[in-house]
Amino acid sequence: MWMSTTTVSIRMDTQIKQEADRLFNEMGMSLTTAFNIFVRQALRDQAMPFSIQLKQPNRETIAAMLEAERIARDEKVLGYETAHDAIAAALNE
């Protein structure tokens, strides 16, 4: 049975596309075939066909963590044991 097709345009980073093309070519398929497999599996499962997780913090999170460590080590920065202590100190200023 012949099914009609449509064209879908997807924007992605050039390097990512090149890497994906190489990977799927090694698997014997095109990027188009890989996307079709992805969509069909998502429709079959009514869900993403894989788990989406951030296993590595992004640059912004890493920068925030480093800043928090720097602040924690800074002897000039006041620290409080509880939120109540911090609020009390702020009200007394």
PDB file of N, CA and C in Angstrom:
ATOM      1  N   MET A   1       0.843  -1.176   0.000  1.00  0.00           N
ATOM      2  CA  MET A   1       0.000   0.000   0.000  1.00  0.00           C
ATOM      3  C   MET A   1       0.884   1.234   0.000  1.00  0.00           C
ATOM      4  N   TRP A   2       0.691   2.119  -0.949  1.00  0.00           N
ATOM      5  CA  TRP A   2       1.486   3.333  -1.082  1.00  0.00           C
ATOM      6  C   TRP A   2       0.923   4.419  -0.184  1.00  0.00           C
ATOM      7  N   MET A   3       1.787   5.012   0.632  1.00  0.00           N
ATOM      8  CA  MET A   3       1.364   6.104   1.503  1.00  0.00           C
ATOM      9  C   MET A   3       1.936   7.392   0.954  1.00  0.00           C
ATOM     10  N   SER A   4       1.142   8.455   0.976  1.00  0.00           N
ATOM     11  CA  SER A   4       1.664   9.738   0.520  1.00  0.00           C
ATOM     12  C   SER A   4       2.672  10.244   1.548  1.00  0.00           C
ATOM     13  N   THR A   5       3.613  11.034   1.087  1.00  0.00           N
ATOM     14  CA  THR A   5       4.642  11.566   1.977  1.00  0.00           C
ATOM     15  C   THR A   5       4.596  13.083   1.957  1.00  0.00           C
ATOM     16  N   THR A   6       5.224  13.666   2.939  1.00  0.00           N
ATOM     17  CA  THR A   6       5.344  15.109   3.023  1.00  0.00           C
ATOM     18  C   THR A   6       6.777  15.434   3.425  1.00  0.00           C
ATOM     19  N   THR A   7       7.188  16.644   3.157  1.00  0.00           N
ATOM     20  CA  THR A   7       8.533  17.086   3.508  1.00  0.00           C
ATOM     21  C   THR A   7       8.481  17.843   4.823  1.00  0.00           C
ATOM     22  N   VAL A   8       9.416  17.535   5.710  1.00  0.00           N
ATOM     23  CA  VAL A   8       9.535  18.216   6.991  1.00  0.00           C
ATOM     24  C   VAL A   8      10.925  18.839   7.039  1.00  0.00           C
ATOM     25  N   SER A   9      10.991  20.119   7.374  1.00  0.00           N
ATOM     26  CA  SER A   9      12.289  20.793   7.517  1.00  0.00           C
ATOM     27  C   SER A   9      12.639  20.881   8.992  1.00  0.00           C
ATOM     28  N   ILE A  10      13.854  20.509   9.323  1.00  0.00           N
ATOM     29  CA  ILE A  10      14.322  20.550  10.705  1.00  0.00           C
ATOM     30  C   ILE A  10      15.619  21.336  10.740  1.00  0.00           C
ATOM     31  N   ARG A  11      15.687  22.299  11.635  1.00  0.00           N
ATOM     32  CA  ARG A  11      16.924  23.072  11.793  1.00  0.00           C
ATOM     33  C   ARG A  11      17.777  22.416  12.875  1.00  0.00           C
ATOM     34  N   MET A  12      19.059  22.274  12.574  1.00  0.00           N
ATOM     35  CA  MET A  12      19.987  21.751  13.573  1.00  0.00           C
ATOM     36  C   MET A  12      21.383  22.266  13.259  1.00  0.00           C
ATOM     37  N   ASP A  13      22.235  22.208  14.236  1.00  0.00           N
ATOM     38  CA  ASP A  13      23.624  22.609  14.092  1.00  0.00           C
ATOM     39  C   ASP A  13      24.267  21.786  12.978  1.00  0.00           C
ATOM     40  N   THR A  14      25.045  22.444  12.135  1.00  0.00           N
ATOM     41  CA  THR A  14      25.677  21.780  10.996  1.00  0.00           C
ATOM     42  C   THR A  14      26.548  20.608  11.431  1.00  0.00           C
ATOM     43  N   GLN A  15      27.335  20.806  12.467  1.00  0.00           N
ATOM     44  CA  GLN A  15      28.228  19.732  12.925  1.00  0.00           C
ATOM     45  C   GLN A  15      27.427  18.539  13.444  1.00  0.00           C
ATOM     46  N   ILE A  16      26.338  18.811  14.170  1.00  0.00           N
ATOM     47  CA  ILE A  16      25.489  17.725  14.676  1.00  0.00           C
ATOM     48  C   ILE A  16      24.922  16.923  13.509  1.00  0.00           C
ATOM     49  N   LYS A  17      24.466  17.624  12.464  1.00  0.00           N
ATOM     50  CA  LYS A  17      23.906  16.933  11.297  1.00  0.00           C
ATOM     51  C   LYS A  17      24.965  16.052  10.640  1.00  0.00           C
ATOM     52  N   GLN A  18      26.177  16.584  10.483  1.00  0.00           N
ATOM     53  CA  GLN A  18      27.246  15.808   9.860  1.00  0.00           C
ATOM     54  C   GLN A  18      27.564  14.554  10.676  1.00  0.00           C
ATOM     55  N   GLU A  19      27.615  14.709  12.000  1.00  0.00           N
ATOM     56  CA  GLU A  19      27.888  13.558  12.864  1.00  0.00           C
ATOM     57  C   GLU A  19      26.758  12.537  12.780  1.00  0.00           C
ATOM     58  N   ALA A  20      25.511  13.028  12.753  1.00  0.00           N
ATOM     59  CA  ALA A  20      24.359  12.120  12.646  1.00  0.00           C
ATOM     60  C   ALA A  20      24.367  11.404  11.301  1.00  0.00           C
ATOM     61  N   ASP A  21      24.671  12.147  10.228  1.00  0.00           N
ATOM     62  CA  ASP A  21      24.755  11.522   8.901  1.00  0.00           C
ATOM     63  C   ASP A  21      25.772  10.383   8.905  1.00  0.00           C
ATOM     64  N   ARG A  22      26.948  10.630   9.500  1.00  0.00           N
ATOM     65  CA  ARG A  22      27.988   9.592   9.558  1.00  0.00           C
ATOM     66  C   ARG A  22      27.516   8.384  10.368  1.00  0.00           C
ATOM     67  N   LEU A  23      26.932   8.656  11.529  1.00  0.00           N
ATOM     68  CA  LEU A  23      26.474   7.570  12.392  1.00  0.00           C
ATOM     69  C   LEU A  23      25.430   6.708  11.689  1.00  0.00           C
ATOM     70  N   PHE A  24      24.394   7.347  11.155  1.00  0.00           N
ATOM     71  CA  PHE A  24      23.317   6.573  10.543  1.00  0.00           C
ATOM     72  C   PHE A  24      23.768   5.913   9.245  1.00  0.00           C
ATOM     73  N   ASN A  25      24.702   6.534   8.547  1.00  0.00           N
ATOM     74  CA  ASN A  25      25.260   5.910   7.350  1.00  0.00           C
ATOM     75  C   ASN A  25      25.970   4.603   7.722  1.00  0.00           C
ATOM     76  N   GLU A  26      26.702   4.625   8.844  1.00  0.00           N
ATOM     77  CA  GLU A  26      27.366   3.404   9.316  1.00  0.00           C
ATOM     78  C   GLU A  26      26.350   2.324   9.669  1.00  0.00           C
ATOM     79  N   MET A  27      25.145   2.739  10.045  1.00  0.00           N
ATOM     80  CA  MET A  27      24.072   1.795  10.373  1.00  0.00           C
ATOM     81  C   MET A  27      23.281   1.387   9.135  1.00  0.00           C
ATOM     82  N   GLY A  28      23.664   1.944   7.989  1.00  0.00           N
ATOM     83  CA  GLY A  28      23.008   1.581   6.743  1.00  0.00           C
ATOM     84  C   GLY A  28      21.710   2.316   6.470  1.00  0.00           C
ATOM     85  N   MET A  29      21.577   3.502   7.058  1.00  0.00           N
ATOM     86  CA  MET A  29      20.351   4.270   6.820  1.00  0.00           C
ATOM     87  C   MET A  29      20.660   5.752   6.701  1.00  0.00           C
ATOM     88  N   SER A  30      19.710   6.476   6.176  1.00  0.00           N
ATOM     89  CA  SER A  30      19.851   7.925   6.051  1.00  0.00           C
ATOM     90  C   SER A  30      19.299   8.603   7.305  1.00  0.00           C
ATOM     91  N   LEU A  31      19.575   9.884   7.422  1.00  0.00           N
ATOM     92  CA  LEU A  31      19.023  10.668   8.518  1.00  0.00           C
ATOM     93  C   LEU A  31      17.495  10.680   8.432  1.00  0.00           C
ATOM     94  N   THR A  32      16.963  10.745   7.226  1.00  0.00           N
ATOM     95  CA  THR A  32      15.511  10.705   7.031  1.00  0.00           C
ATOM     96  C   THR A  32      14.924   9.410   7.575  1.00  0.00           C
ATOM     97  N   THR A  33      15.563   8.287   7.275  1.00  0.00           N
ATOM     98  CA  THR A  33      15.090   6.999   7.784  1.00  0.00           C
ATOM     99  C   THR A  33      15.150   6.974   9.307  1.00  0.00           C
ATOM    100  N   ALA A  34      16.232   7.498   9.878  1.00  0.00           N
ATOM    101  CA  ALA A  34      16.377   7.524  11.335  1.00  0.00           C
ATOM    102  C   ALA A  34      15.262   8.347  11.976  1.00  0.00           C
ATOM    103  N   PHE A  35      14.939   9.495  11.389  1.00  0.00           N
ATOM    104  CA  PHE A  35      13.854  10.318  11.936  1.00  0.00           C
ATOM    105  C   PHE A  35      12.512   9.608  11.809  1.00  0.00           C
ATOM    106  N   ASN A  36      12.300   8.925  10.697  1.00  0.00           N
ATOM    107  CA  ASN A  36      11.052   8.175  10.530  1.00  0.00           C
ATOM    108  C   ASN A  36      10.933   7.070  11.575  1.00  0.00           C
ATOM    109  N   ILE A  37      12.034   6.389  11.860  1.00  0.00           N
ATOM    110  CA  ILE A  37      12.026   5.351  12.899  1.00  0.00           C
ATOM    111  C   ILE A  37      11.678   5.975  14.245  1.00  0.00           C
ATOM    112  N   PHE A  38      12.313   7.104  14.542  1.00  0.00           N
ATOM    113  CA  PHE A  38      12.053   7.810  15.800  1.00  0.00           C
ATOM    114  C   PHE A  38      10.572   8.161  15.939  1.00  0.00           C
ATOM    115  N   VAL A  39       9.997   8.781  14.911  1.00  0.00           N
ATOM    116  CA  VAL A  39       8.598   9.221  14.971  1.00  0.00           C
ATOM    117  C   VAL A  39       7.654   8.025  15.077  1.00  0.00           C
ATOM    118  N   ARG A  40       7.902   6.983  14.292  1.00  0.00           N
ATOM    119  CA  ARG A  40       7.028   5.801  14.353  1.00  0.00           C
ATOM    120  C   ARG A  40       7.064   5.153  15.742  1.00  0.00           C
ATOM    121  N   GLN A  41       8.245   5.071  16.339  1.00  0.00           N
ATOM    122  CA  GLN A  41       8.353   4.486  17.680  1.00  0.00           C
ATOM    123  C   GLN A  41       7.635   5.362  18.701  1.00  0.00           C
ATOM    124  N   ALA A  42       7.780   6.686  18.590  1.00  0.00           N
ATOM    125  CA  ALA A  42       7.088   7.600  19.505  1.00  0.00           C
ATOM    126  C   ALA A  42       5.575   7.436  19.386  1.00  0.00           C
ATOM    127  N   LEU A  43       5.086   7.318  18.163  1.00  0.00           N
ATOM    128  CA  LEU A  43       3.648   7.122  17.959  1.00  0.00           C
ATOM    129  C   LEU A  43       3.188   5.777  18.510  1.00  0.00           C
ATOM    130  N   ARG A  44       3.983   4.753  18.304  1.00  0.00           N
ATOM    131  CA  ARG A  44       3.639   3.411  18.796  1.00  0.00           C
ATOM    132  C   ARG A  44       3.537   3.405  20.321  1.00  0.00           C
ATOM    133  N   ASP A  45       4.505   4.065  20.988  1.00  0.00           N
ATOM    134  CA  ASP A  45       4.559   4.075  22.453  1.00  0.00           C
ATOM    135  C   ASP A  45       3.758   5.212  23.079  1.00  0.00           C
ATOM    136  N   GLN A  46       3.380   6.191  22.243  1.00  0.00           N
ATOM    137  CA  GLN A  46       2.735   7.406  22.754  1.00  0.00           C
ATOM    138  C   GLN A  46       3.622   8.081  23.798  1.00  0.00           C
ATOM    139  N   ALA A  47       4.914   8.078  23.510  1.00  0.00           N
ATOM    140  CA  ALA A  47       5.909   8.661  24.411  1.00  0.00           C
ATOM    141  C   ALA A  47       7.217   8.814  23.656  1.00  0.00           C
ATOM    142  N   MET A  48       8.136   9.547  24.258  1.00  0.00           N
ATOM    143  CA  MET A  48       9.470   9.621  23.687  1.00  0.00           C
ATOM    144  C   MET A  48      10.056   8.214  23.719  1.00  0.00           C
ATOM    145  N   PRO A  49      10.748   7.800  22.665  1.00  0.00           N
ATOM    146  CA  PRO A  49      11.279   6.436  22.638  1.00  0.00           C
ATOM    147  C   PRO A  49      12.572   6.261  23.440  1.00  0.00           C
ATOM    148  N   PHE A  50      12.905   7.254  24.230  1.00  0.00           N
ATOM    149  CA  PHE A  50      14.083   7.170  25.086  1.00  0.00           C
ATOM    150  C   PHE A  50      13.891   8.129  26.245  1.00  0.00           C
ATOM    151  N   SER A  51      14.664   7.938  27.283  1.00  0.00           N
ATOM    152  CA  SER A  51      14.605   8.787  28.462  1.00  0.00           C
ATOM    153  C   SER A  51      15.412  10.055  28.210  1.00  0.00           C
ATOM    154  N   ILE A  52      14.850  11.193  28.566  1.00  0.00           N
ATOM    155  CA  ILE A  52      15.551  12.468  28.407  1.00  0.00           C
ATOM    156  C   ILE A  52      16.052  12.887  29.782  1.00  0.00           C
ATOM    157  N   GLN A  53      17.367  12.967  29.906  1.00  0.00           N
ATOM    158  CA  GLN A  53      17.970  13.315  31.182  1.00  0.00           C
ATOM    159  C   GLN A  53      19.166  14.222  30.959  1.00  0.00           C
ATOM    160  N   LEU A  54      19.410  15.073  31.919  1.00  0.00           N
ATOM    161  CA  LEU A  54      20.628  15.867  31.917  1.00  0.00           C
ATOM    162  C   LEU A  54      21.610  15.179  32.853  1.00  0.00           C
ATOM    163  N   LYS A  55      22.504  14.413  32.282  1.00  0.00           N
ATOM    164  CA  LYS A  55      23.489  13.719  33.105  1.00  0.00           C
ATOM    165  C   LYS A  55      24.667  14.636  33.410  1.00  0.00           C
ATOM    166  N   GLN A  56      24.899  15.580  32.546  1.00  0.00           N
ATOM    167  CA  GLN A  56      25.965  16.547  32.737  1.00  0.00           C
ATOM    168  C   GLN A  56      25.331  17.914  32.938  1.00  0.00           C
ATOM    169  N   PRO A  57      25.740  18.644  33.965  1.00  0.00           N
ATOM    170  CA  PRO A  57      25.215  20.003  34.101  1.00  0.00           C
ATOM    171  C   PRO A  57      25.702  20.861  32.931  1.00  0.00           C
ATOM    172  N   ASN A  58      24.862  21.801  32.508  1.00  0.00           N
ATOM    173  CA  ASN A  58      25.269  22.676  31.415  1.00  0.00           C
ATOM    174  C   ASN A  58      26.234  23.745  31.922  1.00  0.00           C
ATOM    175  N   ARG A  59      26.748  24.565  31.024  1.00  0.00           N
ATOM    176  CA  ARG A  59      27.760  25.574  31.390  1.00  0.00           C
ATOM    177  C   ARG A  59      27.255  26.538  32.448  1.00  0.00           C
ATOM    178  N   GLU A  60      26.003  26.960  32.308  1.00  0.00           N
ATOM    179  CA  GLU A  60      25.435  27.912  33.263  1.00  0.00           C
ATOM    180  C   GLU A  60      25.363  27.298  34.664  1.00  0.00           C
ATOM    181  N   THR A  61      24.973  26.045  34.743  1.00  0.00           N
ATOM    182  CA  THR A  61      24.887  25.367  36.036  1.00  0.00           C
ATOM    183  C   THR A  61      26.275  25.174  36.639  1.00  0.00           C
ATOM    184  N   ILE A  62      27.235  24.791  35.818  1.00  0.00           N
ATOM    185  CA  ILE A  62      28.611  24.628  36.306  1.00  0.00           C
ATOM    186  C   ILE A  62      29.142  25.949  36.839  1.00  0.00           C
ATOM    187  N   ALA A  63      28.891  27.043  36.111  1.00  0.00           N
ATOM    188  CA  ALA A  63      29.339  28.366  36.555  1.00  0.00           C
ATOM    189  C   ALA A  63      28.689  28.729  37.889  1.00  0.00           C
ATOM    190  N   ALA A  64      27.401  28.437  38.040  1.00  0.00           N
ATOM    191  CA  ALA A  64      26.697  28.735  39.289  1.00  0.00           C
ATOM    192  C   ALA A  64      27.254  27.901  40.440  1.00  0.00           C
ATOM    193  N   MET A  65      27.574  26.643  40.176  1.00  0.00           N
ATOM    194  CA  MET A  65      28.134  25.776  41.214  1.00  0.00           C
ATOM    195  C   MET A  65      29.512  26.276  41.654  1.00  0.00           C
ATOM    196  N   LEU A  66      30.322  26.702  40.697  1.00  0.00           N
ATOM    197  CA  LEU A  66      31.648  27.233  41.031  1.00  0.00           C
ATOM    198  C   LEU A  66      31.528  28.525  41.829  1.00  0.00           C
ATOM    199  N   GLU A  67      30.574  29.366  41.449  1.00  0.00           N
ATOM    200  CA  GLU A  67      30.341  30.614  42.180  1.00  0.00           C
ATOM    201  C   GLU A  67      29.876  30.317  43.603  1.00  0.00           C
ATOM    202  N   ALA A  68      29.008  29.341  43.772  1.00  0.00           N
ATOM    203  CA  ALA A  68      28.532  28.965  45.110  1.00  0.00           C
ATOM    204  C   ALA A  68      29.691  28.453  45.970  1.00  0.00           C
ATOM    205  N   GLU A  69      30.575  27.663  45.379  1.00  0.00           N
ATOM    206  CA  GLU A  69      31.745  27.176  46.117  1.00  0.00           C
ATOM    207  C   GLU A  69      32.653  28.331  46.517  1.00  0.00           C
ATOM    208  N   ARG A  70      32.848  29.278  45.591  1.00  0.00           N
ATOM    209  CA  ARG A  70      33.694  30.436  45.893  1.00  0.00           C
ATOM    210  C   ARG A  70      33.103  31.237  47.044  1.00  0.00           C
ATOM    211  N   ILE A  71      31.797  31.469  47.011  1.00  0.00           N
ATOM    212  CA  ILE A  71      31.128  32.227  48.070  1.00  0.00           C
ATOM    213  C   ILE A  71      31.230  31.474  49.396  1.00  0.00           C
ATOM    214  N   ALA A  72      31.046  30.165  49.367  1.00  0.00           N
ATOM    215  CA  ALA A  72      31.102  29.366  50.592  1.00  0.00           C
ATOM    216  C   ALA A  72      32.482  29.421  51.245  1.00  0.00           C
ATOM    217  N   ARG A  73      33.520  29.569  50.451  1.00  0.00           N
ATOM    218  CA  ARG A  73      34.892  29.615  50.982  1.00  0.00           C
ATOM    219  C   ARG A  73      35.325  31.024  51.388  1.00  0.00           C
ATOM    220  N   ASP A  74      34.578  32.028  50.960  1.00  0.00           N
ATOM    221  CA  ASP A  74      34.936  33.428  51.216  1.00  0.00           C
ATOM    222  C   ASP A  74      34.644  33.772  52.677  1.00  0.00           C
ATOM    223  N   GLU A  75      35.693  34.050  53.442  1.00  0.00           N
ATOM    224  CA  GLU A  75      35.532  34.343  54.868  1.00  0.00           C
ATOM    225  C   GLU A  75      34.821  35.661  55.111  1.00  0.00           C
ATOM    226  N   LYS A  76      34.763  36.525  54.109  1.00  0.00           N
ATOM    227  CA  LYS A  76      34.089  37.819  54.255  1.00  0.00           C
ATOM    228  C   LYS A  76      32.570  37.698  54.126  1.00  0.00           C
ATOM    229  N   VAL A  77      32.116  36.583  53.611  1.00  0.00           N
ATOM    230  CA  VAL A  77      30.680  36.375  53.408  1.00  0.00           C
ATOM    231  C   VAL A  77      30.083  35.776  54.677  1.00  0.00           C
ATOM    232  N   LEU A  78      29.022  36.417  55.171  1.00  0.00           N
ATOM    233  CA  LEU A  78      28.349  35.911  56.362  1.00  0.00           C
ATOM    234  C   LEU A  78      27.553  34.661  56.019  1.00  0.00           C
ATOM    235  N   GLY A  79      27.573  33.717  56.932  1.00  0.00           N
ATOM    236  CA  GLY A  79      26.795  32.496  56.750  1.00  0.00           C
ATOM    237  C   GLY A  79      25.810  32.334  57.893  1.00  0.00           C
ATOM    238  N   TYR A  80      24.731  31.647  57.640  1.00  0.00           N
ATOM    239  CA  TYR A  80      23.697  31.439  58.649  1.00  0.00           C
ATOM    240  C   TYR A  80      23.327  29.966  58.690  1.00  0.00           C
ATOM    241  N   GLU A  81      22.997  29.500  59.871  1.00  0.00           N
ATOM    242  CA  GLU A  81      22.615  28.104  60.045  1.00  0.00           C
ATOM    243  C   GLU A  81      21.213  27.833  59.512  1.00  0.00           C
ATOM    244  N   THR A  82      20.331  28.812  59.670  1.00  0.00           N
ATOM    245  CA  THR A  82      18.940  28.625  59.249  1.00  0.00           C
ATOM    246  C   THR A  82      18.453  29.851  58.489  1.00  0.00           C
ATOM    247  N   ALA A  83      17.364  29.682  57.773  1.00  0.00           N
ATOM    248  CA  ALA A  83      16.735  30.814  57.081  1.00  0.00           C
ATOM    249  C   ALA A  83      16.245  31.826  58.109  1.00  0.00           C
ATOM    250  N   HIS A  84      15.763  31.345  59.252  1.00  0.00           N
ATOM    251  CA  HIS A  84      15.295  32.237  60.320  1.00  0.00           C
ATOM    252  C   HIS A  84      16.428  33.160  60.774  1.00  0.00           C
ATOM    253  N   ASP A  85      17.629  32.603  60.953  1.00  0.00           N
ATOM    254  CA  ASP A  85      18.787  33.402  61.354  1.00  0.00           C
ATOM    255  C   ASP A  85      19.121  34.453  60.299  1.00  0.00           C
ATOM    256  N   ALA A  86      19.049  34.095  59.040  1.00  0.00           N
ATOM    257  CA  ALA A  86      19.350  35.033  57.956  1.00  0.00           C
ATOM    258  C   ALA A  86      18.327  36.159  57.918  1.00  0.00           C
ATOM    259  N   ILE A  87      17.056  35.835  58.105  1.00  0.00           N
ATOM    260  CA  ILE A  87      16.000  36.860  58.094  1.00  0.00           C
ATOM    261  C   ILE A  87      16.151  37.781  59.294  1.00  0.00           C
ATOM    262  N   ALA A  88      16.430  37.205  60.448  1.00  0.00           N
ATOM    263  CA  ALA A  88      16.617  38.009  61.657  1.00  0.00           C
ATOM    264  C   ALA A  88      17.783  38.974  61.481  1.00  0.00           C
ATOM    265  N   ALA A  89      18.872  38.513  60.902  1.00  0.00           N
ATOM    266  CA  ALA A  89      20.034  39.375  60.671  1.00  0.00           C
ATOM    267  C   ALA A  89      19.690  40.489  59.693  1.00  0.00           C
ATOM    268  N   ALA A  90      18.937  40.171  58.653  1.00  0.00           N
ATOM    269  CA  ALA A  90      18.552  41.177  57.663  1.00  0.00           C
ATOM    270  C   ALA A  90      17.638  42.227  58.284  1.00  0.00           C
ATOM    271  N   LEU A  91      16.745  41.824  59.172  1.00  0.00           N
ATOM    272  CA  LEU A  91      15.824  42.768  59.818  1.00  0.00           C
ATOM    273  C   LEU A  91      16.544  43.670  60.810  1.00  0.00           C
ATOM    274  N   ASN A  92      17.664  43.195  61.354  1.00  0.00           N
ATOM    275  CA  ASN A  92      18.422  43.978  62.331  1.00  0.00           C
ATOM    276  C   ASN A  92      19.382  44.966  61.688  1.00  0.00           C
ATOM    277  N   GLU A  93      19.536  44.907  60.383  1.00  0.00           N
ATOM    278  CA  GLU A  93      20.481  45.814  59.704  1.00  0.00           C
ATOM    279  C   GLU A  93      19.886  47.177  59.534  1.00  0.00           C
TER     280      GLU A  93
END
